[in-house]
């Protein structure tokens, strides 16, 4: 088949080709812009996902530390509960005949009461007395004459009280009658 192309037809075809080329160029530009937006969104979403993952790891680490702290606190609470029960039992039984308490005196005034002389001596170390201080028995001078002095008290059920373990021996007054 033979087709005769006229100038008008050729002009229309050229116009249609130009229009198609322009439309293809516009479509390609819109596609490039859409692709650019999608790539930027992909980068933004990836960045948010990476930050969320990092934050999640940080929260996991904080949670692990909190759980460790909770475990330690529970252990400490359990130990304190056991000690509290022991002390309550000890308190409930009351004092036993011959049980000794040590009173730490500071310049003759009671400072604290301890279950043992060693505990009283250790406490004086926290107040400036050397830990290796050699304790000697006190003489007949009054308690106020000593910076630190330990006095032992023994429980006597007959009187329902604690009394000094060592009483001062009265000395003879020279020549007075």
N, C-alpha and C. Protein backbone atom coordinates (compact mmCIF):
# COMPACT_ATOMS: atom_id res chain seq x y z
N UNK A 1 0.83 -1.15 0.00
CA UNK A 1 0.00 0.00 0.00
C UNK A 1 0.89 1.23 0.00
N UNK A 2 0.45 2.15 -0.75
CA UNK A 2 1.21 3.38 -0.91
C UNK A 2 0.41 4.48 -0.25
N UNK A 3 1.16 5.26 0.49
CA UNK A 3 0.50 6.35 1.17
C UNK A 3 1.19 7.62 0.77
N UNK A 4 0.38 8.56 0.50
CA UNK A 4 0.93 9.84 0.09
C UNK A 4 0.85 10.75 1.30
N UNK A 5 2.00 11.31 1.61
CA UNK A 5 2.08 12.19 2.78
C UNK A 5 2.17 13.60 2.26
N UNK A 6 1.28 14.39 2.76
CA UNK A 6 1.26 15.79 2.35
C UNK A 6 2.00 16.61 3.39
N UNK A 7 2.29 17.81 3.02
CA UNK A 7 2.99 18.70 3.93
C UNK A 7 2.16 18.96 5.17
N UNK A 8 0.91 19.08 5.02
CA UNK A 8 0.05 19.34 6.18
C UNK A 8 0.07 18.14 7.11
N UNK A 9 0.03 16.95 6.49
CA UNK A 9 0.06 15.74 7.30
C UNK A 9 1.42 15.63 7.98
N UNK A 10 2.47 15.94 7.26
CA UNK A 10 3.81 15.89 7.83
C UNK A 10 3.96 16.90 8.96
N UNK A 11 3.38 18.07 8.82
CA UNK A 11 3.43 19.10 9.87
C UNK A 11 2.68 18.62 11.10
N UNK A 12 1.52 17.99 10.88
CA UNK A 12 0.74 17.47 12.01
C UNK A 12 1.52 16.38 12.73
N UNK A 13 2.18 15.50 11.95
CA UNK A 13 2.98 14.43 12.55
C UNK A 13 4.15 15.01 13.35
N UNK A 14 4.80 16.02 12.81
CA UNK A 14 5.91 16.65 13.52
C UNK A 14 5.42 17.31 14.80
N UNK A 15 4.24 17.99 14.72
CA UNK A 15 3.65 18.61 15.93
C UNK A 15 3.31 17.54 16.97
N UNK A 16 2.75 16.42 16.50
CA UNK A 16 2.39 15.33 17.42
C UNK A 16 3.65 14.74 18.03
N UNK A 17 4.72 14.62 17.26
CA UNK A 17 5.98 14.08 17.78
C UNK A 17 6.57 15.04 18.81
N UNK A 18 6.54 16.34 18.53
CA UNK A 18 7.04 17.34 19.48
C UNK A 18 6.22 17.29 20.77
N UNK A 19 4.89 17.19 20.62
CA UNK A 19 4.01 17.13 21.80
C UNK A 19 4.31 15.86 22.60
N UNK A 20 4.50 14.73 21.89
CA UNK A 20 4.80 13.47 22.58
C UNK A 20 6.16 13.56 23.27
N UNK A 21 7.15 14.18 22.62
CA UNK A 21 8.47 14.35 23.23
C UNK A 21 8.38 15.22 24.47
N UNK A 22 7.60 16.31 24.38
CA UNK A 22 7.42 17.21 25.54
C UNK A 22 6.72 16.48 26.67
N UNK A 23 5.70 15.72 26.33
CA UNK A 23 4.97 14.96 27.37
C UNK A 23 5.89 13.92 27.99
N UNK A 24 6.71 13.26 27.18
CA UNK A 24 7.66 12.27 27.70
C UNK A 24 8.67 12.96 28.62
N UNK A 25 9.17 14.15 28.21
CA UNK A 25 10.10 14.89 29.05
C UNK A 25 9.47 15.28 30.37
N UNK A 26 8.23 15.77 30.36
CA UNK A 26 7.52 16.15 31.60
C UNK A 26 7.27 14.93 32.48
N UNK A 27 6.87 13.84 31.85
CA UNK A 27 6.61 12.60 32.60
C UNK A 27 7.91 12.09 33.23
N UNK A 28 8.99 12.14 32.46
CA UNK A 28 10.29 11.72 32.98
C UNK A 28 10.72 12.62 34.15
N UNK A 29 10.50 13.92 34.03
CA UNK A 29 10.83 14.86 35.13
C UNK A 29 10.01 14.56 36.37
N UNK A 30 8.69 14.32 36.17
CA UNK A 30 7.82 14.00 37.32
C UNK A 30 8.26 12.68 37.94
N UNK A 31 8.63 11.70 37.10
CA UNK A 31 9.09 10.41 37.62
C UNK A 31 10.39 10.60 38.40
N UNK A 32 11.31 11.43 37.89
CA UNK A 32 12.57 11.70 38.61
C UNK A 32 12.30 12.38 39.95
N UNK A 33 11.38 13.34 39.96
CA UNK A 33 11.03 14.01 41.21
C UNK A 33 10.41 13.03 42.20
N UNK A 34 9.51 12.17 41.71
CA UNK A 34 8.87 11.18 42.58
C UNK A 34 9.92 10.20 43.11
N UNK A 35 10.84 9.76 42.23
CA UNK A 35 11.90 8.86 42.67
C UNK A 35 12.77 9.54 43.73
N UNK A 36 13.10 10.81 43.53
CA UNK A 36 13.90 11.57 44.51
C UNK A 36 13.19 11.65 45.86
N UNK A 37 11.87 11.94 45.82
CA UNK A 37 11.10 12.00 47.07
C UNK A 37 11.11 10.65 47.77
N UNK A 38 10.92 9.58 46.99
CA UNK A 38 10.90 8.24 47.59
C UNK A 38 12.27 7.88 48.18
N UNK A 39 13.34 8.26 47.50
CA UNK A 39 14.68 7.98 48.02
C UNK A 39 14.90 8.77 49.31
N UNK A 40 14.50 10.06 49.33
CA UNK A 40 14.65 10.87 50.56
C UNK A 40 13.81 10.29 51.69
N UNK A 41 12.59 9.86 51.37
CA UNK A 41 11.74 9.23 52.40
C UNK A 41 12.38 7.93 52.90
N UNK A 42 12.95 7.16 51.96
CA UNK A 42 13.61 5.92 52.35
C UNK A 42 14.79 6.21 53.29
N UNK A 43 15.61 7.23 52.96
CA UNK A 43 16.72 7.60 53.83
C UNK A 43 16.22 8.06 55.20
N UNK A 44 15.15 8.86 55.19
CA UNK A 44 14.60 9.36 56.46
C UNK A 44 14.05 8.20 57.31
N UNK A 45 13.33 7.29 56.67
CA UNK A 45 12.78 6.15 57.39
C UNK A 45 13.91 5.26 57.92
N UNK A 46 14.93 5.05 57.10
CA UNK A 46 16.08 4.24 57.52
C UNK A 46 16.78 4.90 58.70
N UNK A 47 16.95 6.22 58.64
CA UNK A 47 17.59 6.96 59.75
C UNK A 47 16.76 6.83 61.02
N UNK A 48 15.44 6.99 60.89
CA UNK A 48 14.57 6.85 62.07
C UNK A 48 14.65 5.43 62.63
N UNK A 49 14.68 4.44 61.75
CA UNK A 49 14.77 3.05 62.19
C UNK A 49 16.10 2.80 62.91
N UNK A 50 17.19 3.34 62.38
CA UNK A 50 18.49 3.16 63.03
C UNK A 50 18.52 3.85 64.39
N UNK A 51 17.96 5.07 64.47
CA UNK A 51 17.90 5.77 65.77
C UNK A 51 17.01 5.02 66.75
N UNK A 52 15.89 4.48 66.27
CA UNK A 52 15.01 3.71 67.14
C UNK A 52 15.70 2.45 67.63
N UNK A 53 16.48 1.82 66.76
CA UNK A 53 17.22 0.62 67.18
C UNK A 53 18.28 0.98 68.21
N UNK A 54 18.98 2.09 68.01
CA UNK A 54 20.00 2.52 68.98
C UNK A 54 19.33 2.85 70.31
N UNK A 55 18.21 3.56 70.26
CA UNK A 55 17.48 3.89 71.48
C UNK A 55 16.98 2.62 72.16
N UNK A 56 16.52 1.67 71.37
CA UNK A 56 16.06 0.40 71.93
C UNK A 56 17.20 -0.33 72.63
N UNK A 57 18.38 -0.32 72.03
CA UNK A 57 19.55 -0.95 72.66
C UNK A 57 19.90 -0.24 73.96
N UNK A 58 19.83 1.07 73.94
CA UNK A 58 20.13 1.86 75.15
C UNK A 58 19.12 1.56 76.25
N UNK A 59 17.85 1.47 75.88
CA UNK A 59 16.80 1.15 76.85
C UNK A 59 17.00 -0.26 77.40
N UNK A 60 17.40 -1.20 76.53
CA UNK A 60 17.68 -2.56 76.99
C UNK A 60 18.81 -2.56 78.02
N UNK A 61 19.87 -1.80 77.74
CA UNK A 61 21.00 -1.73 78.68
C UNK A 61 20.56 -1.09 80.00
N UNK A 62 19.76 -0.03 79.93
CA UNK A 62 19.27 0.62 81.15
C UNK A 62 18.39 -0.36 81.93
N UNK A 63 17.55 -1.09 81.23
CA UNK A 63 16.67 -2.06 81.88
C UNK A 63 17.49 -3.15 82.56
N UNK A 64 18.55 -3.61 81.88
CA UNK A 64 19.41 -4.65 82.46
C UNK A 64 20.06 -4.13 83.74
N UNK A 65 20.56 -2.87 83.70
CA UNK A 65 21.17 -2.29 84.91
C UNK A 65 20.13 -2.13 86.01
N UNK A 66 18.92 -1.73 85.64
CA UNK A 66 17.86 -1.59 86.65
C UNK A 66 17.52 -2.94 87.26
N UNK A 67 17.50 -3.98 86.45
CA UNK A 67 17.21 -5.31 86.97
C UNK A 67 18.32 -5.78 87.90
N UNK A 68 19.57 -5.48 87.55
CA UNK A 68 20.69 -5.82 88.44
C UNK A 68 20.55 -5.09 89.76
N UNK A 69 20.23 -3.78 89.68
CA UNK A 69 20.04 -3.00 90.90
C UNK A 69 18.89 -3.54 91.74
N UNK A 70 17.82 -3.93 91.07
CA UNK A 70 16.67 -4.49 91.78
C UNK A 70 17.06 -5.80 92.46
N UNK A 71 17.82 -6.63 91.76
CA UNK A 71 18.26 -7.89 92.34
C UNK A 71 19.13 -7.65 93.57
N UNK A 72 20.06 -6.69 93.46
CA UNK A 72 20.91 -6.36 94.61
C UNK A 72 20.07 -5.83 95.77
N UNK A 73 19.12 -4.98 95.46
CA UNK A 73 18.27 -4.42 96.51
C UNK A 73 17.43 -5.51 97.18
N UNK A 74 16.94 -6.46 96.38
CA UNK A 74 16.17 -7.56 96.95
C UNK A 74 17.03 -8.42 97.85
N UNK A 75 18.28 -8.67 97.42
CA UNK A 75 19.20 -9.45 98.25
C UNK A 75 19.47 -8.72 99.57
N UNK A 76 19.72 -7.42 99.47
CA UNK A 76 19.99 -6.62 100.67
C UNK A 76 18.76 -6.61 101.58
N UNK A 77 17.59 -6.47 100.99
CA UNK A 77 16.35 -6.47 101.77
C UNK A 77 16.15 -7.81 102.46
N UNK A 78 16.45 -8.90 101.75
CA UNK A 78 16.34 -10.23 102.35
C UNK A 78 17.29 -10.38 103.53
N UNK A 79 18.54 -9.93 103.36
CA UNK A 79 19.50 -10.01 104.46
C UNK A 79 19.07 -9.16 105.65
N UNK A 80 18.54 -7.97 105.36
CA UNK A 80 18.06 -7.11 106.44
C UNK A 80 16.85 -7.72 107.13
N UNK A 81 15.99 -8.38 106.36
CA UNK A 81 14.83 -9.05 106.94
C UNK A 81 15.27 -10.18 107.87
N UNK A 82 16.27 -10.94 107.44
CA UNK A 82 16.80 -12.02 108.27
C UNK A 82 17.39 -11.45 109.56
N UNK A 83 18.17 -10.38 109.43
CA UNK A 83 18.78 -9.75 110.60
C UNK A 83 17.70 -9.17 111.52
N UNK A 84 16.65 -8.58 110.94
CA UNK A 84 15.56 -8.04 111.75
C UNK A 84 14.87 -9.15 112.54
N UNK A 85 14.62 -10.27 111.89
CA UNK A 85 13.99 -11.41 112.59
C UNK A 85 14.87 -11.89 113.74
N UNK A 86 16.19 -11.98 113.46
CA UNK A 86 17.11 -12.43 114.49
C UNK A 86 17.10 -11.46 115.67
N UNK A 87 17.12 -10.17 115.37
CA UNK A 87 17.10 -9.17 116.44
C UNK A 87 15.78 -9.19 117.21
N UNK A 88 14.68 -9.41 116.50
CA UNK A 88 13.38 -9.50 117.19
C UNK A 88 13.34 -10.70 118.12
N UNK A 89 13.88 -11.84 117.66
CA UNK A 89 13.94 -13.02 118.52
C UNK A 89 14.81 -12.74 119.74
N UNK A 90 15.94 -12.10 119.51
CA UNK A 90 16.84 -11.76 120.61
C UNK A 90 16.17 -10.80 121.58
N UNK A 91 15.46 -9.83 121.04
CA UNK A 91 14.75 -8.86 121.89
C UNK A 91 13.61 -9.53 122.63
N UNK A 92 12.95 -10.46 121.98
CA UNK A 92 11.82 -11.15 122.60
C UNK A 92 12.23 -12.06 123.75
N UNK A 93 13.42 -12.62 123.68
CA UNK A 93 13.85 -13.50 124.76
C UNK A 93 14.24 -12.73 126.00
N UNK A 94 14.57 -11.45 125.86
CA UNK A 94 14.95 -10.63 127.01
C UNK A 94 16.38 -10.91 127.43
N UNK A 95 16.87 -10.14 128.37
CA UNK A 95 18.24 -10.34 128.82
C UNK A 95 18.39 -11.64 129.61
N UNK A 96 19.57 -12.22 129.55
CA UNK A 96 19.88 -13.47 130.22
C UNK A 96 20.86 -13.16 131.36
N UNK A 97 20.74 -13.91 132.44
CA UNK A 97 21.61 -13.69 133.59
C UNK A 97 23.07 -13.77 133.15
N UNK A 98 23.85 -12.79 133.55
CA UNK A 98 25.26 -12.74 133.23
C UNK A 98 25.57 -12.10 131.89
N UNK A 99 24.55 -11.72 131.12
CA UNK A 99 24.78 -11.06 129.84
C UNK A 99 25.44 -9.70 130.09
N UNK A 100 26.40 -9.37 129.26
CA UNK A 100 27.17 -8.15 129.45
C UNK A 100 26.90 -7.16 128.32
N UNK A 101 26.78 -5.91 128.70
CA UNK A 101 26.72 -4.80 127.75
C UNK A 101 27.88 -3.87 128.06
N UNK A 102 28.36 -3.18 127.06
CA UNK A 102 29.45 -2.24 127.26
C UNK A 102 28.93 -0.84 126.94
N UNK A 103 29.15 0.06 127.87
CA UNK A 103 28.76 1.46 127.67
C UNK A 103 30.03 2.24 127.39
N UNK A 104 30.03 2.96 126.29
CA UNK A 104 31.17 3.80 125.94
C UNK A 104 30.90 5.19 126.49
N UNK A 105 31.80 5.65 127.35
CA UNK A 105 31.65 6.96 127.99
C UNK A 105 32.63 7.93 127.34
N UNK A 106 32.16 9.11 127.07
CA UNK A 106 33.01 10.18 126.53
C UNK A 106 33.02 11.30 127.55
N UNK A 107 34.15 11.51 128.19
CA UNK A 107 34.29 12.48 129.27
C UNK A 107 33.24 12.23 130.36
N UNK A 108 33.02 10.96 130.64
CA UNK A 108 32.12 10.57 131.72
C UNK A 108 30.66 10.50 131.34
N UNK A 109 30.29 10.95 130.15
CA UNK A 109 28.90 10.93 129.70
C UNK A 109 28.68 9.73 128.78
N UNK A 110 27.56 9.02 128.94
CA UNK A 110 27.30 7.88 128.05
C UNK A 110 27.24 8.33 126.59
N UNK A 111 27.99 7.63 125.77
CA UNK A 111 28.03 7.94 124.34
C UNK A 111 27.19 6.93 123.55
N UNK A 112 27.37 5.64 123.85
CA UNK A 112 26.63 4.59 123.15
C UNK A 112 26.73 3.30 123.94
N UNK A 113 25.80 2.38 123.66
CA UNK A 113 25.77 1.07 124.31
C UNK A 113 26.06 0.03 123.23
N UNK A 114 26.95 -0.93 123.56
CA UNK A 114 27.37 -1.95 122.60
C UNK A 114 27.20 -3.33 123.21
N UNK A 115 27.06 -4.31 122.34
CA UNK A 115 26.93 -5.69 122.79
C UNK A 115 28.27 -6.25 123.23
N UNK A 116 29.36 -5.66 122.76
CA UNK A 116 30.68 -6.16 123.15
C UNK A 116 31.66 -5.01 123.33
N UNK A 117 32.71 -5.29 124.08
CA UNK A 117 33.76 -4.30 124.30
C UNK A 117 34.48 -3.99 122.98
N UNK A 118 34.66 -5.01 122.14
CA UNK A 118 35.34 -4.81 120.86
C UNK A 118 34.58 -3.83 119.97
N UNK A 119 33.25 -3.93 119.97
CA UNK A 119 32.45 -3.01 119.16
C UNK A 119 32.60 -1.59 119.68
N UNK A 120 32.67 -1.42 121.00
CA UNK A 120 32.86 -0.08 121.58
C UNK A 120 34.22 0.46 121.20
N UNK A 121 35.25 -0.39 121.25
CA UNK A 121 36.60 0.06 120.88
C UNK A 121 36.66 0.44 119.41
N UNK A 122 35.97 -0.32 118.57
CA UNK A 122 35.95 0.00 117.13
C UNK A 122 35.28 1.34 116.89
N UNK A 123 34.25 1.66 117.68
CA UNK A 123 33.56 2.94 117.50
C UNK A 123 34.45 4.10 117.88
N UNK A 124 35.28 3.93 118.89
CA UNK A 124 36.17 5.04 119.26
C UNK A 124 37.16 5.32 118.14
N UNK A 125 37.48 4.31 117.34
CA UNK A 125 38.38 4.53 116.20
C UNK A 125 37.74 5.46 115.18
N UNK A 126 36.42 5.44 115.09
CA UNK A 126 35.74 6.35 114.15
C UNK A 126 35.71 7.78 114.68
N UNK A 127 36.04 7.95 115.97
CA UNK A 127 36.05 9.29 116.58
C UNK A 127 37.46 9.80 116.82
N UNK A 128 38.44 9.21 116.17
CA UNK A 128 39.79 9.75 116.22
C UNK A 128 40.78 8.98 117.08
N UNK A 129 40.36 8.02 117.86
CA UNK A 129 41.29 7.23 118.65
C UNK A 129 41.92 6.19 117.72
N UNK A 130 43.22 5.99 117.77
CA UNK A 130 43.85 5.03 116.85
C UNK A 130 43.25 3.63 117.02
N UNK A 131 43.12 2.92 115.92
CA UNK A 131 42.52 1.58 115.96
C UNK A 131 43.39 0.60 116.76
N UNK A 132 44.70 0.85 116.81
CA UNK A 132 45.59 -0.05 117.54
C UNK A 132 45.84 0.42 118.98
N UNK A 133 44.99 1.29 119.47
CA UNK A 133 45.13 1.81 120.83
C UNK A 133 45.05 0.66 121.84
N UNK A 134 45.95 0.68 122.81
CA UNK A 134 45.97 -0.35 123.84
C UNK A 134 45.11 0.14 125.00
N UNK A 135 44.05 -0.61 125.28
CA UNK A 135 43.12 -0.24 126.36
C UNK A 135 43.64 -0.84 127.67
N UNK A 136 43.67 -0.02 128.68
CA UNK A 136 44.11 -0.48 130.00
C UNK A 136 42.98 -0.27 130.99
N UNK A 137 42.95 -1.06 132.05
CA UNK A 137 41.91 -0.87 133.06
C UNK A 137 42.01 0.52 133.68
N UNK A 138 40.87 1.10 133.98
CA UNK A 138 40.85 2.44 134.55
C UNK A 138 41.13 2.35 136.04
N UNK A 139 41.71 3.41 136.54
CA UNK A 139 41.96 3.45 137.99
C UNK A 139 40.74 4.06 138.67
N UNK A 140 40.94 4.51 139.91
CA UNK A 140 39.80 4.99 140.69
C UNK A 140 39.39 6.42 140.35
N UNK A 141 40.04 7.04 139.38
CA UNK A 141 39.64 8.39 138.99
C UNK A 141 38.22 8.37 138.44
N UNK A 142 37.51 9.47 138.56
CA UNK A 142 36.14 9.50 138.03
C UNK A 142 36.14 9.35 136.50
N UNK A 143 35.02 8.87 135.96
CA UNK A 143 34.90 8.63 134.52
C UNK A 143 35.11 9.90 133.72
N UNK A 144 34.77 11.05 134.28
CA UNK A 144 34.92 12.32 133.57
C UNK A 144 36.39 12.66 133.32
N UNK A 145 37.30 12.02 134.02
CA UNK A 145 38.72 12.30 133.86
C UNK A 145 39.29 11.65 132.61
N UNK A 146 38.52 10.77 131.96
CA UNK A 146 38.98 10.05 130.77
C UNK A 146 38.24 10.56 129.54
N UNK A 147 38.97 10.68 128.44
CA UNK A 147 38.31 11.08 127.19
C UNK A 147 37.35 9.99 126.76
N UNK A 148 37.84 8.76 126.64
CA UNK A 148 37.01 7.62 126.29
C UNK A 148 37.20 6.56 127.36
N UNK A 149 36.11 5.97 127.79
CA UNK A 149 36.18 4.93 128.81
C UNK A 149 35.08 3.93 128.53
N UNK A 150 35.40 2.64 128.65
CA UNK A 150 34.41 1.58 128.47
C UNK A 150 34.06 1.00 129.83
N UNK A 151 32.79 0.89 130.09
CA UNK A 151 32.32 0.30 131.34
C UNK A 151 31.44 -0.90 130.99
N UNK A 152 31.72 -2.03 131.63
CA UNK A 152 30.91 -3.23 131.40
C UNK A 152 29.79 -3.28 132.43
N UNK A 153 28.60 -3.68 131.96
CA UNK A 153 27.44 -3.83 132.83
C UNK A 153 26.89 -5.24 132.64
N UNK A 154 26.61 -5.92 133.75
CA UNK A 154 26.15 -7.31 133.73
C UNK A 154 24.70 -7.34 134.20
N UNK A 155 23.89 -8.20 133.53
CA UNK A 155 22.46 -8.31 133.87
C UNK A 155 22.28 -9.19 135.10
N UNK A 156 21.49 -8.69 136.05
CA UNK A 156 21.13 -9.44 137.25
C UNK A 156 19.62 -9.56 137.29
N UNK A 157 19.08 -10.80 137.10
CA UNK A 157 17.63 -10.97 137.07
C UNK A 157 16.97 -10.65 138.41
N UNK A 158 17.72 -10.77 139.51
CA UNK A 158 17.12 -10.47 140.82
C UNK A 158 16.66 -9.02 140.90
N UNK A 159 17.42 -8.14 140.31
CA UNK A 159 17.07 -6.72 140.34
C UNK A 159 16.47 -6.24 139.02
N UNK A 160 16.40 -7.17 138.03
CA UNK A 160 15.87 -6.85 136.70
C UNK A 160 16.62 -5.66 136.10
N UNK A 161 17.93 -5.67 136.24
CA UNK A 161 18.70 -4.56 135.69
C UNK A 161 20.14 -4.93 135.47
N UNK A 162 20.85 -4.01 134.82
CA UNK A 162 22.28 -4.16 134.56
C UNK A 162 23.04 -3.38 135.62
N UNK A 163 24.12 -3.95 136.11
CA UNK A 163 24.95 -3.31 137.12
C UNK A 163 26.39 -3.35 136.65
N UNK A 164 27.19 -2.41 137.14
CA UNK A 164 28.60 -2.38 136.76
C UNK A 164 29.25 -3.71 137.08
N UNK A 165 30.07 -4.15 136.16
CA UNK A 165 30.77 -5.42 136.36
C UNK A 165 31.86 -5.26 137.40
N UNK A 166 32.53 -4.13 137.38
CA UNK A 166 33.62 -3.87 138.32
C UNK A 166 33.29 -2.62 139.10
N UNK A 167 33.17 -2.77 140.35
CA UNK A 167 32.93 -1.59 141.18
C UNK A 167 34.26 -1.11 141.72
N UNK A 168 34.37 0.16 141.89
CA UNK A 168 35.61 0.74 142.39
C UNK A 168 35.82 0.28 143.84
N UNK A 169 37.05 -0.07 144.13
CA UNK A 169 37.39 -0.48 145.49
C UNK A 169 37.63 0.79 146.30
N UNK A 170 36.87 0.96 147.41
CA UNK A 170 37.11 2.19 148.18
C UNK A 170 38.49 2.13 148.82
N UNK A 171 39.19 3.22 148.73
CA UNK A 171 40.52 3.25 149.32
C UNK A 171 40.44 3.91 150.69
N UNK A 172 41.33 3.51 151.48
CA UNK A 172 41.38 4.05 152.83
C UNK A 172 41.87 5.48 152.78
N UNK A 173 41.16 6.31 153.50
CA UNK A 173 41.57 7.70 153.55
C UNK A 173 42.69 7.83 154.57
N UNK A 174 43.71 8.50 154.23
CA UNK A 174 44.89 8.62 155.07
C UNK A 174 44.61 9.40 156.34
N UNK A 175 44.44 8.71 157.46
CA UNK A 175 44.36 9.34 158.75
C UNK A 175 43.00 9.89 159.11
N UNK A 176 42.05 9.94 158.25
CA UNK A 176 40.75 10.49 158.62
C UNK A 176 39.89 9.38 159.18
N UNK A 177 39.13 9.67 160.19
CA UNK A 177 38.30 8.65 160.79
C UNK A 177 36.88 9.10 160.87
